[in-house]
Protein backbone atom coordinates (compact mmCIF):
# COMPACT_ATOMS: atom_id res chain seq x y z
CA MET A 1 -166.97 55.37 -9.46
CA ARG A 2 -168.31 55.71 -5.96
CA ALA A 3 -166.64 59.14 -5.54
CA THR A 4 -168.09 60.59 -8.70
CA ARG A 5 -171.51 59.29 -7.69
CA LEU A 6 -171.09 60.89 -4.45
CA LEU A 7 -170.23 64.21 -6.15
CA VAL A 8 -173.27 63.92 -8.57
CA THR A 9 -175.57 63.10 -5.76
CA ALA A 10 -174.34 65.93 -3.57
CA LEU A 11 -174.88 68.44 -6.31
CA ARG A 12 -178.20 66.96 -7.19
CA GLU A 13 -179.36 66.76 -3.53
CA PRO A 14 -177.21 68.70 -1.14
CA GLU A 15 -179.01 67.15 1.89
CA SER A 16 -177.48 63.88 0.99
CA VAL A 17 -174.14 64.84 2.66
CA ALA A 18 -175.76 64.68 6.01
CA THR A 19 -175.04 60.88 5.94
CA LEU A 20 -171.26 61.00 5.08
CA ASP A 21 -168.64 59.72 7.25
CA ASP A 22 -164.97 60.95 7.21
CA ALA A 23 -164.05 58.68 4.37
CA GLY A 24 -167.14 59.67 2.33
CA TRP A 25 -166.31 63.36 2.79
CA THR A 26 -162.63 62.60 1.66
CA GLU A 27 -163.89 60.95 -1.66
CA LEU A 28 -166.48 63.57 -2.39
CA LEU A 29 -164.10 66.49 -1.91
CA THR A 30 -161.32 64.55 -3.83
CA ALA A 31 -163.69 63.99 -6.62
CA ALA A 32 -165.12 67.54 -6.72
CA ARG A 33 -161.45 68.99 -6.76
CA ALA A 34 -160.48 66.75 -9.66
CA GLU A 35 -163.60 67.56 -11.68
CA ARG A 36 -163.10 71.20 -11.00
CA LEU A 37 -166.39 71.39 -9.26
CA LEU A 38 -165.24 72.17 -5.64
CA GLY A 39 -166.32 75.82 -5.93
CA THR A 40 -169.59 74.73 -7.31
CA LEU A 41 -170.05 72.11 -4.48
CA ALA A 42 -169.18 74.77 -1.90
CA HIS A 43 -171.98 77.12 -3.17
CA ARG A 44 -174.35 74.23 -3.22
CA LEU A 45 -173.49 73.38 0.41
CA ASP A 46 -173.33 76.83 1.65
CA HIS A 47 -175.24 77.32 5.09
CA ARG A 48 -175.47 73.44 5.52
CA ALA A 49 -174.03 71.87 8.71
CA VAL A 50 -170.73 70.05 7.79
CA PRO A 51 -167.74 68.97 9.77
CA PRO A 52 -165.48 71.93 10.72
CA SER A 53 -162.63 70.67 8.55
CA VAL A 54 -164.78 70.57 5.72
CA ALA A 55 -166.27 73.89 6.20
CA ARG A 56 -162.91 75.31 6.01
CA ILE A 57 -162.18 73.76 2.79
CA LEU A 58 -165.54 74.92 1.32
CA ALA A 59 -165.07 78.33 2.55
CA ASP A 60 -161.55 78.36 0.79
CA ALA A 61 -163.16 77.04 -2.37
CA ARG A 62 -165.96 79.84 -2.27
CA GLU A 63 -163.23 82.39 -1.80
CA GLY A 64 -161.15 80.99 -4.80
CA ALA A 65 -164.19 80.78 -7.01
CA ALA A 66 -164.97 84.45 -6.22
CA GLU A 67 -161.42 85.42 -6.94
CA GLU A 68 -161.48 83.40 -10.35
CA ARG A 69 -164.82 85.28 -11.13
CA ARG A 70 -163.19 88.83 -10.36
CA ALA A 71 -160.09 87.76 -12.48
CA ALA A 72 -162.22 86.55 -15.45
CA LEU A 73 -164.36 89.62 -15.55
CA TRP A 74 -161.32 91.90 -15.55
CA GLU A 75 -159.83 89.85 -18.36
CA ALA A 76 -162.88 90.22 -20.46
CA GLU A 77 -162.87 93.97 -19.79
CA MET A 78 -159.27 94.08 -20.87
CA ALA A 79 -160.01 92.28 -24.14
CA ARG A 80 -162.96 94.59 -24.60
CA ARG A 81 -160.69 97.62 -24.40
CA ALA A 82 -158.19 96.12 -26.76
CA LEU A 83 -160.72 95.19 -29.41
CA ALA A 84 -163.21 98.33 -29.05
CA PRO A 85 -161.47 100.33 -31.72
CA LEU A 86 -162.18 97.63 -34.29
CA GLY A 87 -165.93 98.00 -33.85
CA ILE A 88 -166.45 94.12 -34.23
CA PRO A 89 -168.87 91.87 -32.25
CA VAL A 90 -167.17 90.33 -29.34
CA VAL A 91 -169.12 87.42 -27.75
CA LEU A 92 -168.18 85.98 -24.42
CA LEU A 93 -168.24 82.22 -24.17
CA LYS A 94 -168.21 79.62 -21.50
CA GLY A 95 -167.59 80.34 -17.78
CA THR A 96 -166.90 84.07 -18.33
CA ALA A 97 -170.08 84.41 -20.17
CA PHE A 98 -172.04 82.82 -17.23
CA ALA A 99 -170.23 84.99 -14.80
CA ALA A 100 -170.69 88.37 -16.92
CA ALA A 101 -174.46 87.64 -17.38
CA GLY A 102 -175.08 86.68 -13.70
CA LEU A 103 -176.40 83.14 -14.76
CA ASP A 104 -176.83 80.35 -12.27
CA ALA A 105 -174.35 78.21 -14.17
CA GLY A 106 -171.58 80.80 -12.82
CA GLN A 107 -172.31 80.34 -9.15
CA GLY A 108 -168.95 79.03 -7.78
CA ARG A 109 -167.87 77.85 -11.04
CA SER A 110 -164.18 77.23 -11.83
CA ILE A 111 -163.16 79.71 -14.74
CA GLY A 112 -159.86 79.40 -16.61
CA ASP A 113 -159.07 80.84 -19.99
CA LEU A 114 -161.06 83.64 -21.56
CA ASP A 115 -162.89 82.46 -24.57
CA ILE A 116 -164.53 84.79 -27.10
CA LEU A 117 -166.20 84.58 -30.46
CA VAL A 118 -165.52 87.09 -33.29
CA PRO A 119 -166.26 87.03 -36.98
CA ARG A 120 -163.83 84.97 -39.09
CA ASP A 121 -163.04 87.91 -41.28
CA ALA A 122 -161.94 89.92 -38.09
CA LEU A 123 -159.65 87.27 -36.84
CA ASP A 124 -156.42 89.00 -38.12
CA ALA A 125 -157.37 92.38 -36.83
CA ALA A 126 -158.43 91.03 -33.47
CA GLU A 127 -155.11 89.16 -33.34
CA VAL A 128 -152.98 92.28 -34.07
CA ALA A 129 -154.98 94.39 -31.47
CA LEU A 130 -154.63 91.77 -28.78
CA ARG A 131 -150.93 91.34 -29.44
CA ALA A 132 -150.48 95.04 -29.23
CA ALA A 133 -152.19 95.04 -25.85
CA GLY A 134 -149.88 92.54 -24.39
CA TRP A 135 -150.98 88.98 -25.39
CA GLU A 136 -148.40 86.82 -26.87
CA PRO A 137 -148.47 83.48 -28.75
CA ILE A 138 -147.98 80.08 -26.80
CA LYS A 139 -147.55 77.86 -29.87
CA GLU A 140 -143.93 78.38 -30.88
CA ASP A 141 -143.93 75.31 -32.99
CA ALA A 142 -144.60 76.20 -36.73
CA TYR A 143 -146.62 73.01 -37.36
CA ASP A 144 -148.87 73.74 -34.45
CA ASP A 145 -149.41 77.35 -35.38
CA ALA A 146 -150.16 76.48 -39.09
CA TYR A 147 -152.56 73.71 -37.95
CA TYR A 148 -154.59 76.05 -35.86
CA ARG A 149 -154.81 78.72 -38.39
CA ARG A 150 -155.79 76.36 -41.33
CA TRP A 151 -157.95 73.77 -39.52
CA MET A 152 -159.10 74.91 -36.04
CA HIS A 153 -162.00 76.96 -35.06
CA GLU A 154 -159.85 79.42 -33.13
CA LEU A 155 -156.48 81.32 -33.34
CA PRO A 156 -153.55 79.75 -31.66
CA PRO A 157 -153.81 80.47 -27.89
CA LEU A 158 -152.40 83.73 -26.60
CA ILE A 159 -151.22 84.58 -23.11
CA HIS A 160 -150.75 87.94 -21.54
CA ARG A 161 -147.28 88.79 -20.76
CA GLU A 162 -148.05 90.45 -17.48
CA ARG A 163 -151.22 88.95 -16.26
CA ASP A 164 -150.46 85.30 -17.29
CA ARG A 165 -153.97 84.82 -18.63
CA MET A 166 -154.86 82.92 -21.65
CA ILE A 167 -157.36 83.96 -24.27
CA ASP A 168 -158.80 81.77 -27.08
CA VAL A 169 -160.22 83.80 -29.91
CA HIS A 170 -162.76 81.57 -31.80
CA HIS A 171 -164.55 82.24 -35.23
CA THR A 172 -166.97 79.27 -34.60
CA ILE A 173 -167.64 76.76 -32.04
CA LEU A 174 -166.22 73.49 -33.82
CA PRO A 175 -163.24 72.83 -36.06
CA PRO A 176 -164.20 73.36 -39.79
CA THR A 177 -163.07 69.75 -40.23
CA ALA A 178 -165.63 68.39 -37.85
CA ARG A 179 -168.65 66.67 -39.11
CA PRO A 180 -171.25 69.16 -37.65
CA LYS A 181 -171.32 72.45 -39.29
CA PRO A 182 -172.37 75.26 -36.91
CA ASP A 183 -173.89 78.33 -38.33
CA ALA A 184 -171.26 80.89 -36.93
CA ALA A 185 -173.12 83.85 -38.55
CA ALA A 186 -176.23 82.83 -36.69
CA LEU A 187 -174.37 82.63 -33.48
CA LEU A 188 -173.13 86.17 -33.83
CA ALA A 189 -176.26 87.57 -35.13
CA ASP A 190 -178.53 86.32 -32.34
CA ALA A 191 -176.06 87.19 -29.47
CA VAL A 192 -177.34 89.20 -26.63
CA PRO A 193 -175.54 92.43 -25.70
CA LEU A 194 -174.66 92.95 -22.08
CA GLY A 195 -174.68 96.79 -22.39
CA ASN A 196 -170.87 97.13 -21.85
CA GLY A 197 -169.48 96.53 -25.38
CA LEU A 198 -169.69 92.67 -24.84
CA SER A 199 -172.25 89.99 -25.62
CA ILE A 200 -173.31 86.41 -24.84
CA LEU A 201 -174.79 83.80 -27.07
CA SER A 202 -178.68 83.43 -26.98
CA ASP A 203 -180.06 81.13 -24.28
CA GLU A 204 -180.50 78.22 -26.61
CA ASP A 205 -177.11 78.85 -28.28
CA ILE A 206 -175.40 78.76 -25.10
CA ILE A 207 -176.72 75.22 -24.49
CA VAL A 208 -175.91 74.16 -27.85
CA HIS A 209 -172.35 75.33 -27.54
CA ALA A 210 -171.96 73.61 -24.24
CA ALA A 211 -173.13 70.14 -25.69
CA ALA A 212 -170.85 70.64 -28.80
CA HIS A 213 -167.90 71.22 -26.65
CA LEU A 214 -168.72 68.12 -24.66
CA PHE A 215 -169.86 65.67 -27.32
CA ALA A 216 -168.64 66.83 -30.61
CA ASP A 217 -165.20 68.20 -29.90
CA GLY A 218 -163.79 66.28 -26.94
CA ASP A 219 -163.22 63.08 -24.99
CA LEU A 220 -165.58 64.00 -22.16
CA SER A 221 -162.81 65.08 -19.75
CA GLY A 222 -164.37 67.54 -17.27
CA GLY A 223 -167.86 66.32 -18.52
CA LEU A 224 -169.56 66.41 -15.08
CA ARG A 225 -168.88 70.14 -14.99
CA ASN A 226 -170.10 70.75 -18.49
CA LEU A 227 -173.38 68.76 -17.74
CA TRP A 228 -173.84 70.64 -14.59
CA ASP A 229 -173.54 73.90 -16.62
CA ILE A 230 -176.21 72.56 -19.03
CA ASP A 231 -178.42 71.56 -16.03
CA ARG A 232 -178.30 75.04 -14.42
CA LEU A 233 -178.79 76.54 -17.88
CA ILE A 234 -181.95 74.45 -18.70
CA ARG A 235 -183.49 75.17 -15.37
CA GLU A 236 -182.92 78.97 -15.77
CA PHE A 237 -183.90 79.16 -19.37
CA ASP A 238 -186.99 76.87 -19.43
CA ARG A 239 -189.79 79.18 -20.28
CA GLU A 240 -192.76 78.98 -22.73
CA GLY A 241 -191.47 77.68 -26.04
CA PHE A 242 -187.92 77.03 -24.76
CA TRP A 243 -187.73 73.35 -25.93
CA GLU A 244 -189.06 74.09 -29.31
CA ARG A 245 -186.57 76.97 -29.89
CA LEU A 246 -183.73 74.64 -28.46
CA ARG A 247 -184.59 71.95 -31.00
CA GLU A 248 -184.66 74.41 -33.91
CA ARG A 249 -181.25 76.05 -32.92
CA ALA A 250 -179.81 72.58 -32.40
CA GLN A 251 -180.89 71.60 -35.87
CA ARG A 252 -179.52 74.90 -37.45
CA HIS A 253 -176.31 74.23 -35.97
CA ASP A 254 -176.26 70.59 -37.15
CA LEU A 255 -175.94 69.47 -33.43
CA LEU A 256 -179.24 67.94 -32.55
CA SER A 257 -177.64 64.48 -31.58
CA ALA A 258 -175.22 66.27 -29.35
CA VAL A 259 -177.91 68.58 -27.64
CA SER A 260 -180.26 65.59 -27.20
CA ARG A 261 -177.54 63.49 -25.64
CA ALA A 262 -176.56 66.30 -23.38
CA VAL A 263 -180.18 66.63 -22.29
CA ARG A 264 -180.76 62.98 -21.49
CA LEU A 265 -177.49 62.73 -19.52
CA THR A 266 -178.25 66.01 -17.36
CA ARG A 267 -181.57 64.33 -16.63
CA ASP A 268 -180.07 60.97 -15.72
CA LEU A 269 -177.34 62.44 -13.58
CA TYR A 270 -178.73 65.62 -12.13
CA GLY A 271 -182.57 65.10 -12.50
CA THR A 272 -182.93 67.92 -14.84
CA PRO A 273 -186.59 68.38 -15.87
CA VAL A 274 -186.84 67.24 -19.51
CA PRO A 275 -189.90 66.78 -21.56
CA ASP A 276 -190.73 63.15 -22.62
CA ASP A 277 -189.84 63.52 -26.28
CA TRP A 278 -186.25 64.32 -25.40
CA ARG A 279 -185.67 61.30 -23.23
CA HIS A 280 -185.14 58.68 -25.76
CA GLY A 281 -181.68 57.51 -27.01
CA LEU A 282 -179.22 54.81 -27.17
CA ALA A 283 -175.64 54.06 -25.91
CA ASP A 284 -175.93 56.61 -22.94
CA ARG A 285 -174.73 53.95 -20.49
CA LEU A 286 -171.19 54.07 -22.03
CA TYR A 287 -171.12 57.80 -21.77
CA ILE A 288 -172.08 57.68 -18.14
CA ARG A 289 -169.29 55.06 -17.51
CA ARG A 290 -166.86 57.59 -18.98
CA LEU A 291 -167.99 60.53 -17.13
CA LEU A 292 -167.98 58.69 -13.83
CA ALA A 293 -164.49 57.18 -14.42
CA ARG A 294 -162.64 58.37 -11.49
CA ASP A 295 -161.67 56.73 -8.15
CA GLY A 296 -161.66 57.87 -4.49
CA TRP A 297 -158.09 59.29 -4.98
CA GLY A 298 -159.34 61.55 -7.92
CA ARG A 299 -157.46 59.34 -10.42
CA GLN A 300 -158.90 58.52 -13.85
CA GLY A 301 -160.01 55.02 -14.22
CA SER A 302 -161.59 52.83 -16.97
CA PRO A 303 -158.57 53.17 -19.20
CA LEU A 304 -160.12 51.30 -22.25
CA THR A 305 -163.19 53.47 -22.10
CA ARG A 306 -161.14 56.63 -21.88
CA LEU A 307 -158.94 55.45 -24.79
CA ALA A 308 -162.07 54.85 -26.76
CA PHE A 309 -163.41 58.28 -26.19
CA TYR A 310 -159.93 59.77 -26.93
CA ILE A 311 -160.00 58.11 -30.39
CA ARG A 312 -163.57 59.14 -30.76
CA SER A 313 -162.82 62.80 -29.97
CA HIS A 314 -160.27 62.87 -32.80
CA TRP A 315 -162.42 60.89 -35.14
CA MET A 316 -165.10 63.59 -34.74
CA ARG A 317 -162.84 66.39 -35.49
CA MET A 318 -161.48 65.37 -38.88
CA PRO A 319 -161.67 63.07 -41.86
CA PRO A 320 -159.66 59.76 -41.47
CA ALA A 321 -156.96 60.48 -43.96
CA MET A 322 -156.43 63.96 -42.49
CA LEU A 323 -156.35 62.47 -38.99
CA ALA A 324 -153.85 59.80 -39.94
CA GLN A 325 -151.54 62.50 -41.32
CA HIS A 326 -151.89 64.74 -38.38
CA LEU A 327 -151.23 61.98 -35.87
CA TRP A 328 -148.22 60.84 -37.88
CA THR A 329 -146.74 64.38 -38.01
CA LYS A 330 -147.28 64.86 -34.36
CA ALA A 331 -145.64 61.44 -33.59
CA THR A 332 -142.66 61.84 -35.87
CA LYS A 333 -141.95 65.48 -35.27
CA LYS A 334 -138.45 66.10 -33.74
CA PRO A 335 -138.40 68.00 -30.37
CA ALA A 336 -137.52 71.81 -30.59
């Protein structure tokens, strides 16, 4: 865990890197790359004195992050053009939303797929429009395709035939089978227009979504990046009445437990300023162990902890009988 602790400390206190030796730099950079935080680290360390070899790596990371940002914003514009004739709300999610809105969380951030939110009753029309504009399905397996359409919170992923970029079209932020039941209509109704035909979620809903993605729909892979997002978002959005609004939105979306844990862990790891009444909770130590489970070579460690969180992620997504049937189908399905 030394490497990931070095990474957390460097992000929280950039001046801490002044004491690193060659081995420490190797561990830090390896962990940052493995956690998809190298561009973020490079942004945090910009203009700081570092060894020449490190400076070159960080410069390349900043350039790579800038290129990912340009590609993400262009992909968002292409999706907007494809969906504009439908006249439906199109809300950007995750990294592309941060970049499009100029949020601090987008500085140096790695951005992969384009994630958007549209009304559920517009899914079919959105898929037709996107496929006409060059996006094609990835899931060729009939079971996987049917599973997405019936049980997931998004269409089967699509990839553009020319640009090789993926888009995930969501109608809510958690699978309908999951225990929490977010209010998708409220997410769309309170979205904030960017003035270009696209919108992002409200300040509080952005944080609720980040917490939901991490604690109610996953095994915590990439969790250090998600918590860094939440730290940056809280610091930027923390104005009068923010914490009351965040609690109300988290309750409305049935995600107060996930949001509370995210808030506590960002404070514990990144020193996020948090009110006293948000600091109390149980079992956070095990979550921190999972989040930091990586060695100096960038390899995942703590296999039993990771297995426990993998099982938990599936348990959170669907009822036991449905989970057993799904896992059995996947395990016994013949290769194509």
